[in-house]
């Protein structure tokens, strides 16, 4: 089984992937790690602050082929990151799609307004964020509204975090 976990920055993608790893013993691929490996090794001219669309266009073809390879080898894998396009399923035939579950994490405006302090507090719970100054209540509200709109346009599965942060996935 392949589990795709995406969403806006600071929605808990990495925390959820870590919980799934611990619960199901599935390995996980953090797309940010792949991105930084390619950037640091000089295998791309992109940078950590390149346009998100450019990063998605560069990284997704690599990640989607890794997913196909895992499915062909009957291996489980959690893939986590914001560089999963909303139209991800078009890159897979039905024989692959039956082995993939997709989850997009989205925080409601109410949740963000009531819990922004917690969002900032837990930002580095799994990985150390070197520079988190650009994370403001305005950017989090804007990013989550944009993600929710895209989820609805593309009719993809999303988990709305509204009252309290209780995200769990049963496989």
N, C-alpha and C. Protein backbone atom coordinates (compact mmCIF):
# COMPACT_ATOMS: atom_id res chain seq x y z
N UNK A 1 0.84 -1.18 0.00
CA UNK A 1 0.00 0.00 0.00
C UNK A 1 0.88 1.24 0.00
N UNK A 2 0.50 2.21 -0.80
CA UNK A 2 1.17 3.50 -0.85
C UNK A 2 0.24 4.52 -0.22
N UNK A 3 0.74 5.29 0.72
CA UNK A 3 -0.04 6.34 1.38
C UNK A 3 0.59 7.67 1.00
N UNK A 4 -0.19 8.54 0.36
CA UNK A 4 0.27 9.89 0.02
C UNK A 4 -0.31 10.86 1.04
N UNK A 5 0.56 11.67 1.65
CA UNK A 5 0.14 12.66 2.63
C UNK A 5 0.64 14.02 2.17
N UNK A 6 -0.29 14.92 1.92
CA UNK A 6 0.08 16.25 1.45
C UNK A 6 -0.74 17.30 2.20
N UNK A 7 -0.52 18.55 1.86
CA UNK A 7 -1.23 19.65 2.49
C UNK A 7 -0.32 20.86 2.55
N UNK A 8 -0.86 21.94 3.08
CA UNK A 8 -0.09 23.17 3.21
C UNK A 8 1.01 23.00 4.27
N UNK A 9 1.94 23.91 4.25
CA UNK A 9 2.99 23.93 5.27
C UNK A 9 2.36 24.05 6.65
N UNK A 10 2.95 23.37 7.62
CA UNK A 10 2.55 23.43 9.03
C UNK A 10 1.25 22.69 9.35
N UNK A 11 0.77 21.82 8.45
CA UNK A 11 -0.46 21.08 8.74
C UNK A 11 -0.21 19.75 9.43
N UNK A 12 1.04 19.35 9.59
CA UNK A 12 1.35 18.11 10.30
C UNK A 12 1.59 16.91 9.41
N UNK A 13 1.99 17.15 8.17
CA UNK A 13 2.25 16.04 7.23
C UNK A 13 3.34 15.12 7.76
N UNK A 14 4.44 15.69 8.21
CA UNK A 14 5.57 14.90 8.67
C UNK A 14 5.23 14.17 9.97
N UNK A 15 4.50 14.82 10.85
CA UNK A 15 4.08 14.17 12.10
C UNK A 15 3.18 12.98 11.79
N UNK A 16 2.23 13.15 10.87
CA UNK A 16 1.35 12.05 10.50
C UNK A 16 2.14 10.91 9.87
N UNK A 17 3.07 11.23 8.98
CA UNK A 17 3.89 10.18 8.36
C UNK A 17 4.69 9.43 9.42
N UNK A 18 5.24 10.13 10.40
CA UNK A 18 5.99 9.50 11.48
C UNK A 18 5.09 8.57 12.30
N UNK A 19 3.87 9.03 12.60
CA UNK A 19 2.92 8.19 13.35
C UNK A 19 2.56 6.93 12.56
N UNK A 20 2.34 7.09 11.25
CA UNK A 20 2.02 5.93 10.41
C UNK A 20 3.20 4.95 10.36
N UNK A 21 4.40 5.47 10.28
CA UNK A 21 5.60 4.62 10.30
C UNK A 21 5.64 3.82 11.59
N UNK A 22 5.42 4.49 12.71
CA UNK A 22 5.47 3.81 14.00
C UNK A 22 4.34 2.79 14.16
N UNK A 23 3.16 3.12 13.67
CA UNK A 23 2.00 2.24 13.83
C UNK A 23 2.02 1.05 12.89
N UNK A 24 2.33 1.29 11.60
CA UNK A 24 2.24 0.24 10.59
C UNK A 24 3.59 -0.31 10.14
N UNK A 25 4.66 0.34 10.57
CA UNK A 25 6.03 -0.07 10.20
C UNK A 25 6.29 0.11 8.71
N UNK A 26 5.55 1.02 8.07
CA UNK A 26 5.79 1.35 6.67
C UNK A 26 6.89 2.42 6.61
N UNK A 27 7.85 2.25 5.74
CA UNK A 27 8.85 3.32 5.59
C UNK A 27 8.20 4.55 4.96
N UNK A 28 8.84 5.71 5.16
CA UNK A 28 8.28 6.88 4.49
C UNK A 28 9.36 7.70 3.82
N UNK A 29 8.94 8.32 2.74
CA UNK A 29 9.78 9.20 1.95
C UNK A 29 9.29 10.62 2.16
N UNK A 30 10.16 11.45 2.66
CA UNK A 30 9.87 12.87 2.80
C UNK A 30 10.36 13.55 1.52
N UNK A 31 9.45 14.11 0.76
CA UNK A 31 9.82 14.73 -0.52
C UNK A 31 10.78 15.90 -0.30
N UNK A 32 10.68 16.57 0.85
CA UNK A 32 11.64 17.64 1.16
C UNK A 32 13.07 17.11 1.23
N UNK A 33 13.25 15.90 1.74
CA UNK A 33 14.59 15.31 1.80
C UNK A 33 15.12 15.04 0.40
N UNK A 34 14.26 14.51 -0.47
CA UNK A 34 14.65 14.28 -1.86
C UNK A 34 15.03 15.61 -2.51
N UNK A 35 14.19 16.63 -2.30
CA UNK A 35 14.46 17.97 -2.85
C UNK A 35 15.83 18.48 -2.41
N UNK A 36 16.10 18.41 -1.13
CA UNK A 36 17.37 18.94 -0.62
C UNK A 36 18.55 18.10 -1.10
N UNK A 37 18.38 16.80 -1.22
CA UNK A 37 19.46 15.96 -1.74
C UNK A 37 19.81 16.32 -3.17
N UNK A 38 18.79 16.55 -3.99
CA UNK A 38 19.03 16.94 -5.38
C UNK A 38 19.65 18.33 -5.47
N UNK A 39 19.20 19.24 -4.62
CA UNK A 39 19.74 20.60 -4.63
C UNK A 39 21.19 20.60 -4.13
N UNK A 40 21.43 19.98 -2.99
CA UNK A 40 22.78 19.99 -2.40
C UNK A 40 23.80 19.24 -3.25
N UNK A 41 23.34 18.24 -3.99
CA UNK A 41 24.27 17.48 -4.84
C UNK A 41 24.55 18.16 -6.16
N UNK A 42 23.84 19.25 -6.43
CA UNK A 42 24.05 19.97 -7.68
C UNK A 42 23.33 19.36 -8.87
N UNK A 43 22.37 18.47 -8.62
CA UNK A 43 21.65 17.80 -9.71
C UNK A 43 20.45 18.59 -10.21
N UNK A 44 20.29 19.81 -9.74
CA UNK A 44 19.23 20.70 -10.23
C UNK A 44 19.67 22.14 -10.01
N UNK A 45 19.12 23.02 -10.82
CA UNK A 45 19.40 24.44 -10.62
C UNK A 45 18.37 25.07 -9.69
N UNK A 46 17.36 24.29 -9.32
CA UNK A 46 16.34 24.79 -8.39
C UNK A 46 16.96 25.01 -7.01
N UNK A 47 16.30 25.83 -6.21
CA UNK A 47 16.78 26.13 -4.86
C UNK A 47 15.65 25.84 -3.87
N UNK A 48 15.95 25.83 -2.56
CA UNK A 48 14.90 25.59 -1.57
C UNK A 48 13.76 26.61 -1.63
N UNK A 49 14.03 27.78 -2.17
CA UNK A 49 12.98 28.81 -2.25
C UNK A 49 12.45 29.01 -3.67
N UNK A 50 12.74 28.06 -4.55
CA UNK A 50 12.17 28.13 -5.90
C UNK A 50 10.66 28.05 -5.83
N UNK A 51 10.02 28.50 -6.88
CA UNK A 51 8.57 28.46 -7.01
C UNK A 51 8.06 27.04 -6.75
N UNK A 52 6.97 26.92 -5.96
CA UNK A 52 6.45 25.60 -5.61
C UNK A 52 6.03 24.80 -6.84
N UNK A 53 5.48 25.45 -7.85
CA UNK A 53 5.09 24.74 -9.08
C UNK A 53 6.32 24.17 -9.78
N UNK A 54 7.40 24.95 -9.84
CA UNK A 54 8.63 24.46 -10.47
C UNK A 54 9.18 23.27 -9.71
N UNK A 55 9.14 23.33 -8.39
CA UNK A 55 9.62 22.20 -7.59
C UNK A 55 8.74 20.97 -7.79
N UNK A 56 7.42 21.17 -7.81
CA UNK A 56 6.50 20.04 -8.04
C UNK A 56 6.74 19.43 -9.41
N UNK A 57 6.86 20.28 -10.44
CA UNK A 57 7.08 19.79 -11.81
C UNK A 57 8.38 19.00 -11.91
N UNK A 58 9.37 19.36 -11.12
CA UNK A 58 10.66 18.67 -11.14
C UNK A 58 10.63 17.38 -10.31
N UNK A 59 10.05 17.45 -9.11
CA UNK A 59 10.12 16.33 -8.18
C UNK A 59 9.07 15.25 -8.42
N UNK A 60 7.85 15.63 -8.80
CA UNK A 60 6.78 14.65 -8.91
C UNK A 60 7.06 13.53 -9.91
N UNK A 61 7.62 13.79 -11.09
CA UNK A 61 7.91 12.67 -12.00
C UNK A 61 8.86 11.64 -11.37
N UNK A 62 9.79 12.09 -10.57
CA UNK A 62 10.71 11.16 -9.89
C UNK A 62 9.95 10.37 -8.83
N UNK A 63 9.18 11.08 -8.00
CA UNK A 63 8.44 10.44 -6.92
C UNK A 63 7.40 9.46 -7.47
N UNK A 64 6.68 9.84 -8.53
CA UNK A 64 5.65 8.94 -9.07
C UNK A 64 6.26 7.65 -9.61
N UNK A 65 7.44 7.73 -10.18
CA UNK A 65 8.11 6.50 -10.66
C UNK A 65 8.61 5.66 -9.49
N UNK A 66 9.01 6.29 -8.40
CA UNK A 66 9.38 5.55 -7.19
C UNK A 66 8.17 4.81 -6.64
N UNK A 67 7.01 5.46 -6.69
CA UNK A 67 5.77 4.84 -6.21
C UNK A 67 5.43 3.62 -7.07
N UNK A 68 5.53 3.76 -8.38
CA UNK A 68 5.26 2.63 -9.27
C UNK A 68 6.20 1.46 -8.97
N UNK A 69 7.46 1.76 -8.74
CA UNK A 69 8.43 0.71 -8.43
C UNK A 69 8.07 0.00 -7.13
N UNK A 70 7.67 0.77 -6.11
CA UNK A 70 7.28 0.16 -4.84
C UNK A 70 6.06 -0.76 -5.03
N UNK A 71 5.08 -0.30 -5.79
CA UNK A 71 3.88 -1.11 -6.03
C UNK A 71 4.25 -2.39 -6.80
N UNK A 72 5.07 -2.25 -7.82
CA UNK A 72 5.48 -3.41 -8.61
C UNK A 72 6.22 -4.44 -7.76
N UNK A 73 6.90 -3.98 -6.72
CA UNK A 73 7.63 -4.87 -5.83
C UNK A 73 6.84 -5.24 -4.58
N UNK A 74 5.53 -4.89 -4.59
CA UNK A 74 4.63 -5.20 -3.48
C UNK A 74 5.17 -4.69 -2.15
N UNK A 75 5.68 -3.46 -2.18
CA UNK A 75 6.22 -2.82 -0.98
C UNK A 75 5.31 -1.69 -0.53
N UNK A 76 5.25 -1.50 0.76
CA UNK A 76 4.48 -0.40 1.34
C UNK A 76 5.37 0.84 1.43
N UNK A 77 4.75 2.01 1.31
CA UNK A 77 5.52 3.25 1.38
C UNK A 77 4.58 4.40 1.70
N UNK A 78 5.02 5.27 2.59
CA UNK A 78 4.34 6.52 2.88
C UNK A 78 5.14 7.61 2.18
N UNK A 79 4.48 8.43 1.38
CA UNK A 79 5.13 9.54 0.69
C UNK A 79 4.50 10.82 1.22
N UNK A 80 5.34 11.70 1.75
CA UNK A 80 4.85 12.88 2.45
C UNK A 80 5.50 14.13 1.91
N UNK A 81 4.69 15.13 1.63
CA UNK A 81 5.23 16.41 1.21
C UNK A 81 4.22 17.26 0.48
N UNK A 82 4.57 18.51 0.29
CA UNK A 82 3.64 19.44 -0.38
C UNK A 82 3.82 19.44 -1.89
N UNK A 83 4.71 18.62 -2.43
CA UNK A 83 4.96 18.61 -3.87
C UNK A 83 4.23 17.48 -4.59
N UNK A 84 3.08 17.09 -4.07
CA UNK A 84 2.21 16.11 -4.70
C UNK A 84 1.11 16.90 -5.40
N UNK A 85 1.03 16.83 -6.72
CA UNK A 85 0.02 17.64 -7.41
C UNK A 85 -1.39 17.12 -7.15
N UNK A 86 -2.36 18.01 -7.23
CA UNK A 86 -3.76 17.61 -7.00
C UNK A 86 -4.25 16.64 -8.06
N UNK A 87 -3.68 16.69 -9.24
CA UNK A 87 -4.06 15.76 -10.32
C UNK A 87 -3.12 14.55 -10.36
N UNK A 88 -2.58 14.17 -9.21
CA UNK A 88 -1.62 13.09 -9.08
C UNK A 88 -2.09 11.78 -9.73
N UNK A 89 -3.37 11.48 -9.65
CA UNK A 89 -3.86 10.18 -10.09
C UNK A 89 -3.73 9.96 -11.60
N UNK A 90 -3.62 11.04 -12.38
CA UNK A 90 -3.51 10.89 -13.83
C UNK A 90 -2.21 10.21 -14.25
N UNK A 91 -1.25 10.14 -13.34
CA UNK A 91 0.05 9.54 -13.64
C UNK A 91 0.08 8.04 -13.37
N UNK A 92 -1.06 7.46 -13.01
CA UNK A 92 -1.10 6.04 -12.66
C UNK A 92 -2.27 5.36 -13.34
N UNK A 93 -2.02 4.13 -13.81
CA UNK A 93 -3.10 3.30 -14.34
C UNK A 93 -3.88 2.68 -13.19
N UNK A 94 -5.00 2.04 -13.52
CA UNK A 94 -5.85 1.47 -12.48
C UNK A 94 -5.14 0.41 -11.66
N UNK A 95 -4.21 -0.33 -12.26
CA UNK A 95 -3.48 -1.36 -11.50
C UNK A 95 -2.64 -0.74 -10.40
N UNK A 96 -2.22 0.51 -10.59
CA UNK A 96 -1.47 1.22 -9.55
C UNK A 96 -2.42 1.91 -8.57
N UNK A 97 -3.46 2.55 -9.10
CA UNK A 97 -4.36 3.34 -8.26
C UNK A 97 -5.01 2.54 -7.15
N UNK A 98 -5.28 1.26 -7.39
CA UNK A 98 -5.91 0.44 -6.35
C UNK A 98 -4.99 0.22 -5.15
N UNK A 99 -3.71 0.57 -5.30
CA UNK A 99 -2.73 0.41 -4.23
C UNK A 99 -2.31 1.73 -3.60
N UNK A 100 -3.01 2.81 -3.91
CA UNK A 100 -2.62 4.14 -3.42
C UNK A 100 -3.78 4.78 -2.68
N UNK A 101 -3.48 5.32 -1.49
CA UNK A 101 -4.45 6.12 -0.74
C UNK A 101 -3.88 7.52 -0.60
N UNK A 102 -4.72 8.52 -0.81
CA UNK A 102 -4.30 9.92 -0.82
C UNK A 102 -5.03 10.68 0.28
N UNK A 103 -4.27 11.46 1.05
CA UNK A 103 -4.84 12.29 2.11
C UNK A 103 -4.20 13.67 2.06
N UNK A 104 -5.04 14.68 2.03
CA UNK A 104 -4.56 16.06 2.06
C UNK A 104 -5.03 16.67 3.38
N UNK A 105 -4.10 17.19 4.17
CA UNK A 105 -4.43 17.81 5.44
C UNK A 105 -4.74 19.29 5.23
N UNK A 106 -5.87 19.72 5.77
CA UNK A 106 -6.29 21.12 5.64
C UNK A 106 -6.80 21.59 6.99
N UNK A 107 -6.31 22.75 7.41
CA UNK A 107 -6.79 23.36 8.65
C UNK A 107 -7.85 24.40 8.33
N UNK A 108 -8.95 24.38 9.09
CA UNK A 108 -10.01 25.37 8.89
C UNK A 108 -9.54 26.73 9.42
N UNK A 109 -10.20 27.78 8.96
CA UNK A 109 -9.90 29.12 9.48
C UNK A 109 -10.10 29.16 10.99
N UNK A 110 -11.18 28.53 11.46
CA UNK A 110 -11.47 28.50 12.89
C UNK A 110 -10.33 27.85 13.66
N UNK A 111 -9.85 26.71 13.15
CA UNK A 111 -8.75 26.02 13.84
C UNK A 111 -7.50 26.91 13.88
N UNK A 112 -7.17 27.50 12.76
CA UNK A 112 -5.98 28.34 12.68
C UNK A 112 -6.09 29.53 13.64
N UNK A 113 -7.23 30.18 13.66
CA UNK A 113 -7.42 31.34 14.53
C UNK A 113 -7.33 30.96 16.01
N UNK A 114 -7.87 29.80 16.35
CA UNK A 114 -7.88 29.36 17.75
C UNK A 114 -6.60 28.68 18.20
N UNK A 115 -5.79 28.21 17.26
CA UNK A 115 -4.63 27.38 17.64
C UNK A 115 -3.33 27.81 16.97
N UNK A 116 -3.23 29.04 16.51
CA UNK A 116 -2.01 29.44 15.81
C UNK A 116 -0.77 29.28 16.69
N UNK A 117 -0.89 29.56 17.97
CA UNK A 117 0.24 29.37 18.88
C UNK A 117 0.73 27.93 18.89
N UNK A 118 -0.21 26.98 18.88
CA UNK A 118 0.15 25.56 18.84
C UNK A 118 0.79 25.19 17.50
N UNK A 119 0.26 25.76 16.42
CA UNK A 119 0.82 25.49 15.09
C UNK A 119 2.30 25.87 15.07
N UNK A 120 2.62 27.03 15.59
CA UNK A 120 4.03 27.48 15.65
C UNK A 120 4.83 26.63 16.64
N UNK A 121 4.21 26.32 17.78
CA UNK A 121 4.89 25.56 18.83
C UNK A 121 5.33 24.17 18.35
N UNK A 122 4.48 23.52 17.55
CA UNK A 122 4.76 22.16 17.11
C UNK A 122 5.41 22.09 15.72
N UNK A 123 5.80 23.23 15.18
CA UNK A 123 6.35 23.27 13.82
C UNK A 123 7.61 22.41 13.66
N UNK A 124 8.38 22.26 14.70
CA UNK A 124 9.64 21.50 14.60
C UNK A 124 9.61 20.22 15.43
N UNK A 125 8.44 19.66 15.62
CA UNK A 125 8.32 18.48 16.49
C UNK A 125 9.05 17.26 15.92
N UNK A 126 9.09 17.10 14.59
CA UNK A 126 9.79 15.96 13.99
C UNK A 126 11.08 16.42 13.32
N UNK A 127 11.02 17.49 12.58
CA UNK A 127 12.20 18.02 11.89
C UNK A 127 12.43 19.45 12.33
N UNK A 128 13.69 19.82 12.42
CA UNK A 128 14.04 21.18 12.84
C UNK A 128 13.88 22.15 11.69
N UNK A 129 12.98 23.09 11.84
CA UNK A 129 12.80 24.14 10.83
C UNK A 129 13.83 25.22 11.10
N UNK A 130 14.71 25.41 10.14
CA UNK A 130 15.80 26.37 10.31
C UNK A 130 15.30 27.81 10.34
N UNK A 131 14.37 28.14 9.45
CA UNK A 131 13.86 29.50 9.35
C UNK A 131 12.35 29.43 9.23
N UNK A 132 11.66 29.85 10.27
CA UNK A 132 10.20 29.75 10.28
C UNK A 132 9.55 31.13 10.41
N UNK A 133 10.33 32.17 10.13
CA UNK A 133 9.83 33.53 10.28
C UNK A 133 8.70 33.86 9.29
N UNK A 134 8.69 33.19 8.15
CA UNK A 134 7.67 33.49 7.14
C UNK A 134 6.31 32.88 7.48
N UNK A 135 6.26 32.06 8.52
CA UNK A 135 4.99 31.46 8.96
C UNK A 135 4.27 32.45 9.86
N UNK A 136 3.25 33.07 9.30
CA UNK A 136 2.41 34.00 10.06
C UNK A 136 0.97 33.49 10.00
N UNK A 137 0.14 34.03 10.84
CA UNK A 137 -1.26 33.61 10.80
C UNK A 137 -1.88 33.90 9.43
N UNK A 138 -1.43 35.00 8.81
CA UNK A 138 -1.95 35.36 7.48
C UNK A 138 -1.52 34.34 6.42
N UNK A 139 -0.26 33.91 6.46
CA UNK A 139 0.21 32.95 5.46
C UNK A 139 -0.44 31.59 5.66
N UNK A 140 -0.63 31.19 6.91
CA UNK A 140 -1.27 29.89 7.18
C UNK A 140 -2.74 29.92 6.74
N UNK A 141 -3.45 31.01 7.03
CA UNK A 141 -4.83 31.13 6.58
C UNK A 141 -4.91 31.10 5.06
N UNK A 142 -4.05 31.85 4.39
CA UNK A 142 -4.06 31.92 2.93
C UNK A 142 -3.73 30.56 2.32
N UNK A 143 -2.68 29.92 2.81
CA UNK A 143 -2.24 28.64 2.24
C UNK A 143 -3.29 27.55 2.41
N UNK A 144 -3.92 27.48 3.57
CA UNK A 144 -4.94 26.45 3.80
C UNK A 144 -6.19 26.71 2.99
N UNK A 145 -6.58 27.97 2.83
CA UNK A 145 -7.74 28.29 1.98
C UNK A 145 -7.47 27.88 0.54
N UNK A 146 -6.26 28.13 0.07
CA UNK A 146 -5.88 27.75 -1.29
C UNK A 146 -5.91 26.23 -1.46
N UNK A 147 -5.37 25.51 -0.49
CA UNK A 147 -5.34 24.04 -0.56
C UNK A 147 -6.77 23.47 -0.53
N UNK A 148 -7.61 24.00 0.36
CA UNK A 148 -8.99 23.53 0.42
C UNK A 148 -9.71 23.75 -0.90
N UNK A 149 -9.52 24.91 -1.49
CA UNK A 149 -10.14 25.21 -2.78
C UNK A 149 -9.68 24.22 -3.85
N UNK A 150 -8.39 23.92 -3.88
CA UNK A 150 -7.86 22.97 -4.87
C UNK A 150 -8.39 21.55 -4.62
N UNK A 151 -8.50 21.16 -3.35
CA UNK A 151 -9.07 19.84 -3.03
C UNK A 151 -10.48 19.72 -3.58
N UNK A 152 -11.25 20.78 -3.43
CA UNK A 152 -12.63 20.76 -3.89
C UNK A 152 -12.72 20.79 -5.42
N UNK A 153 -11.86 21.57 -6.06
CA UNK A 153 -11.84 21.62 -7.52
C UNK A 153 -11.48 20.26 -8.10
N UNK A 154 -10.43 19.63 -7.56
CA UNK A 154 -9.96 18.35 -8.09
C UNK A 154 -10.66 17.15 -7.48
N UNK A 155 -11.56 17.40 -6.53
CA UNK A 155 -12.34 16.34 -5.89
C UNK A 155 -11.44 15.25 -5.29
N UNK A 156 -10.44 15.68 -4.53
CA UNK A 156 -9.53 14.74 -3.87
C UNK A 156 -9.90 14.64 -2.39
N UNK A 157 -9.48 13.55 -1.79
CA UNK A 157 -9.75 13.28 -0.39
C UNK A 157 -8.96 14.25 0.50
N UNK A 158 -9.64 14.89 1.43
CA UNK A 158 -8.93 15.74 2.37
C UNK A 158 -9.47 15.52 3.78
N UNK A 159 -8.60 15.76 4.75
CA UNK A 159 -8.96 15.65 6.16
C UNK A 159 -8.98 17.07 6.72
N UNK A 160 -10.15 17.54 7.12
CA UNK A 160 -10.30 18.89 7.63
C UNK A 160 -10.05 18.90 9.13
N UNK A 161 -9.08 19.68 9.53
CA UNK A 161 -8.75 19.86 10.95
C UNK A 161 -9.52 21.10 11.39
N UNK A 162 -10.55 20.90 12.25
CA UNK A 162 -11.48 21.99 12.53
C UNK A 162 -11.53 22.36 14.02
N UNK A 163 -11.87 21.43 14.89
CA UNK A 163 -11.99 21.74 16.31
C UNK A 163 -10.71 21.48 17.08
N UNK A 164 -10.23 20.26 16.97
CA UNK A 164 -8.97 19.90 17.61
C UNK A 164 -8.15 19.07 16.64
N UNK A 165 -6.85 19.01 16.91
CA UNK A 165 -5.97 18.31 15.99
C UNK A 165 -5.94 16.83 16.36
N UNK A 166 -6.79 16.06 15.69
CA UNK A 166 -6.82 14.62 15.89
C UNK A 166 -6.84 13.97 14.52
N UNK A 167 -5.68 13.80 13.95
CA UNK A 167 -5.57 13.20 12.63
C UNK A 167 -5.02 11.80 12.79
N UNK A 168 -5.79 10.84 12.31
CA UNK A 168 -5.35 9.45 12.34
C UNK A 168 -5.92 8.77 11.10
N UNK A 169 -5.15 7.89 10.54
CA UNK A 169 -5.56 7.15 9.34
C UNK A 169 -5.53 5.68 9.66
N UNK A 170 -6.62 5.01 9.44
CA UNK A 170 -6.69 3.55 9.60
C UNK A 170 -6.54 2.91 8.23
N UNK A 171 -5.62 1.98 8.12
CA UNK A 171 -5.39 1.29 6.85
C UNK A 171 -6.12 -0.04 6.80
